[in-house]
Amino acid sequence: MRILEEKIVPDSIVYTDSLGSYNVLDVSAFHHVRINHTDQFVEGRNHINGIENFWNQAKRHMRKFNGIPKEHFNLFLKECEWRFNNPEPKAQLAQLKQLVRENLA
């Protein structure tokens, strides 16, 4: 809980499924919205499909490394975030080329 309170801005909205271990979030400084998948998958615009999709892709990508050093996990996760937000290989290559050009200049 301490880590969540350090990382999440007060008055933020946190979306989770209805797993019982998330009950502790109901007494925090942010608003907790649960989506009960047994009753409904989406409540208006509230759903967790995006984050579930991201974690699915991240785990699939990192699995090929057969373990990641704990001290470098944030870098691997940042790479997964970049790949998720830039899904087209041509766009990824263009961005990488631009970064190389900028760093060589």
C-alpha atoms as a PDB file:
ATOM      1  CA  MET A   1       0.000   0.000   0.000  1.00  0.00           C
ATOM      2  CA  ARG A   2       2.882   2.357   0.802  1.00  0.00           C
ATOM      3  CA  ILE A   3       4.260   1.969  -2.726  1.00  0.00           C
ATOM      4  CA  LEU A   4       0.854   2.655  -4.270  1.00  0.00           C
ATOM      5  CA  GLU A   5       0.438   5.789  -2.171  1.00  0.00           C
ATOM      6  CA  GLU A   6       3.881   6.993  -3.317  1.00  0.00           C
ATOM      7  CA  LYS A   7       3.205   6.294  -6.997  1.00  0.00           C
ATOM      8  CA  ILE A   8      -0.466   7.264  -7.437  1.00  0.00           C
ATOM      9  CA  VAL A   9      -1.499  10.909  -7.327  1.00  0.00           C
ATOM     10  CA  PRO A  10      -4.310  11.624  -4.824  1.00  0.00           C
ATOM     11  CA  ASP A  11      -7.777  11.829  -6.413  1.00  0.00           C
ATOM     12  CA  SER A  12      -6.662   9.546  -9.274  1.00  0.00           C
ATOM     13  CA  ILE A  13      -9.021   6.828 -10.447  1.00  0.00           C
ATOM     14  CA  VAL A  14      -7.677   3.287 -10.141  1.00  0.00           C
ATOM     15  CA  TYR A  15      -9.464   0.532 -12.072  1.00  0.00           C
ATOM     16  CA  THR A  16      -9.211  -3.099 -10.992  1.00  0.00           C
ATOM     17  CA  ASP A  17     -11.170  -6.283 -11.300  1.00  0.00           C
ATOM     18  CA  SER A  18     -12.980  -7.580  -8.222  1.00  0.00           C
ATOM     19  CA  LEU A  19     -10.163  -9.655  -6.738  1.00  0.00           C
ATOM     20  CA  GLY A  20     -10.499  -9.589  -2.952  1.00  0.00           C
ATOM     21  CA  SER A  21      -6.932  -8.410  -2.349  1.00  0.00           C
ATOM     22  CA  TYR A  22      -7.888  -5.053  -3.917  1.00  0.00           C
ATOM     23  CA  ASN A  23     -10.254  -4.338  -0.978  1.00  0.00           C
ATOM     24  CA  VAL A  24      -7.469  -2.400   0.729  1.00  0.00           C
ATOM     25  CA  LEU A  25      -7.669   0.191  -2.067  1.00  0.00           C
ATOM     26  CA  ASP A  26     -11.095   1.315  -0.847  1.00  0.00           C
ATOM     27  CA  VAL A  27      -9.531   3.220   2.062  1.00  0.00           C
ATOM     28  CA  SER A  28      -6.897   5.095   0.070  1.00  0.00           C
ATOM     29  CA  ALA A  29      -6.566   8.682  -1.172  1.00  0.00           C
ATOM     30  CA  PHE A  30      -7.622   7.717  -4.700  1.00  0.00           C
ATOM     31  CA  HIS A  31     -10.925   6.558  -6.138  1.00  0.00           C
ATOM     32  CA  HIS A  32     -11.170   2.807  -6.682  1.00  0.00           C
ATOM     33  CA  VAL A  33     -13.447   1.475  -9.441  1.00  0.00           C
ATOM     34  CA  ARG A  34     -14.007  -2.271  -9.722  1.00  0.00           C
ATOM     35  CA  ILE A  35     -15.166  -4.106 -12.788  1.00  0.00           C
ATOM     36  CA  ASN A  36     -16.752  -7.409 -11.811  1.00  0.00           C
ATOM     37  CA  HIS A  37     -16.136  -9.666 -14.809  1.00  0.00           C
ATOM     38  CA  THR A  38     -18.758 -12.177 -13.680  1.00  0.00           C
ATOM     39  CA  ASP A  39     -21.503  -9.517 -13.946  1.00  0.00           C
ATOM     40  CA  GLN A  40     -20.170  -7.344 -16.749  1.00  0.00           C
ATOM     41  CA  PHE A  41     -16.943  -6.773 -18.583  1.00  0.00           C
ATOM     42  CA  VAL A  42     -17.294  -3.031 -19.104  1.00  0.00           C
ATOM     43  CA  GLU A  43     -19.107  -0.375 -17.101  1.00  0.00           C
ATOM     44  CA  GLY A  44     -19.562   2.615 -19.396  1.00  0.00           C
ATOM     45  CA  ARG A  45     -16.032   3.669 -20.333  1.00  0.00           C
ATOM     46  CA  ASN A  46     -14.538   1.828 -17.355  1.00  0.00           C
ATOM     47  CA  HIS A  47     -12.682  -1.344 -18.217  1.00  0.00           C
ATOM     48  CA  ILE A  48      -9.258  -2.887 -17.758  1.00  0.00           C
ATOM     49  CA  ASN A  49      -8.798  -4.344 -21.247  1.00  0.00           C
ATOM     50  CA  GLY A  50      -5.914  -1.996 -22.082  1.00  0.00           C
ATOM     51  CA  ILE A  51      -3.749  -2.854 -19.090  1.00  0.00           C
ATOM     52  CA  GLU A  52      -4.544  -6.558 -19.403  1.00  0.00           C
ATOM     53  CA  ASN A  53      -3.491  -6.375 -23.057  1.00  0.00           C
ATOM     54  CA  PHE A  54      -0.290  -4.527 -22.142  1.00  0.00           C
ATOM     55  CA  TRP A  55       0.701  -7.058 -19.456  1.00  0.00           C
ATOM     56  CA  ASN A  56      -0.053  -9.939 -21.804  1.00  0.00           C
ATOM     57  CA  GLN A  57       2.269  -8.470 -24.446  1.00  0.00           C
ATOM     58  CA  ALA A  58       4.939  -7.519 -21.888  1.00  0.00           C
ATOM     59  CA  LYS A  59       5.046 -10.997 -20.359  1.00  0.00           C
ATOM     60  CA  ARG A  60       5.202 -12.607 -23.798  1.00  0.00           C
ATOM     61  CA  HIS A  61       8.091 -10.329 -24.822  1.00  0.00           C
ATOM     62  CA  MET A  62      10.085 -10.761 -21.598  1.00  0.00           C
ATOM     63  CA  ARG A  63       9.585 -14.530 -21.477  1.00  0.00           C
ATOM     64  CA  LYS A  64      12.099 -14.959 -24.292  1.00  0.00           C
ATOM     65  CA  PHE A  65      14.903 -13.632 -22.069  1.00  0.00           C
ATOM     66  CA  ASN A  66      14.529 -16.530 -19.584  1.00  0.00           C
ATOM     67  CA  GLY A  67      14.736 -14.222 -16.603  1.00  0.00           C
ATOM     68  CA  ILE A  68      15.538 -10.560 -16.179  1.00  0.00           C
ATOM     69  CA  PRO A  69      17.823  -9.114 -13.507  1.00  0.00           C
ATOM     70  CA  LYS A  70      15.701  -7.304 -10.918  1.00  0.00           C
ATOM     71  CA  GLU A  71      17.812  -4.147 -11.197  1.00  0.00           C
ATOM     72  CA  HIS A  72      17.073  -3.928 -14.949  1.00  0.00           C
ATOM     73  CA  PHE A  73      13.375  -4.850 -14.872  1.00  0.00           C
ATOM     74  CA  ASN A  74      12.272  -1.198 -15.177  1.00  0.00           C
ATOM     75  CA  LEU A  75      14.277  -0.841 -18.411  1.00  0.00           C
ATOM     76  CA  PHE A  76      12.768  -3.986 -19.910  1.00  0.00           C
ATOM     77  CA  LEU A  77       9.310  -2.795 -18.871  1.00  0.00           C
ATOM     78  CA  LYS A  78       9.962   0.626 -20.430  1.00  0.00           C
ATOM     79  CA  GLU A  79      10.893  -1.108 -23.690  1.00  0.00           C
ATOM     80  CA  CYS A  80       7.614  -3.050 -23.543  1.00  0.00           C
ATOM     81  CA  GLU A  81       5.740   0.206 -22.969  1.00  0.00           C
ATOM     82  CA  TRP A  82       7.444   1.766 -26.004  1.00  0.00           C
ATOM     83  CA  ARG A  83       6.632  -1.258 -28.175  1.00  0.00           C
ATOM     84  CA  PHE A  84       3.010  -1.232 -26.958  1.00  0.00           C
ATOM     85  CA  ASN A  85       2.592   2.480 -27.736  1.00  0.00           C
ATOM     86  CA  ASN A  86       4.382   2.134 -31.100  1.00  0.00           C
ATOM     87  CA  PRO A  87       3.106  -1.160 -32.500  1.00  0.00           C
ATOM     88  CA  GLU A  88       4.142  -0.637 -36.133  1.00  0.00           C
ATOM     89  CA  PRO A  89       7.682  -1.919 -36.882  1.00  0.00           C
ATOM     90  CA  LYS A  90       8.223   0.806 -39.514  1.00  0.00           C
ATOM     91  CA  ALA A  91       7.351   3.509 -36.978  1.00  0.00           C
ATOM     92  CA  GLN A  92       9.644   1.887 -34.408  1.00  0.00           C
ATOM     93  CA  LEU A  93      12.520   1.839 -36.884  1.00  0.00           C
ATOM     94  CA  ALA A  94      11.924   5.472 -37.849  1.00  0.00           C
ATOM     95  CA  GLN A  95      11.977   6.519 -34.190  1.00  0.00           C
ATOM     96  CA  LEU A  96      15.153   4.563 -33.503  1.00  0.00           C
ATOM     97  CA  LYS A  97      16.881   6.092 -36.528  1.00  0.00           C
ATOM     98  CA  GLN A  98      15.837   9.561 -35.372  1.00  0.00           C
ATOM     99  CA  LEU A  99      17.214   8.919 -31.880  1.00  0.00           C
ATOM    100  CA  VAL A 100      20.523   7.710 -33.339  1.00  0.00           C
ATOM    101  CA  ARG A 101      20.758  10.796 -35.584  1.00  0.00           C
ATOM    102  CA  GLU A 102      20.044  13.087 -32.633  1.00  0.00           C
ATOM    103  CA  ASN A 103      22.686  11.397 -30.491  1.00  0.00           C
ATOM    104  CA  LEU A 104      25.313  11.513 -33.229  1.00  0.00           C
ATOM    105  CA  ALA A 105      24.774  15.212 -33.896  1.00  0.00           C
END
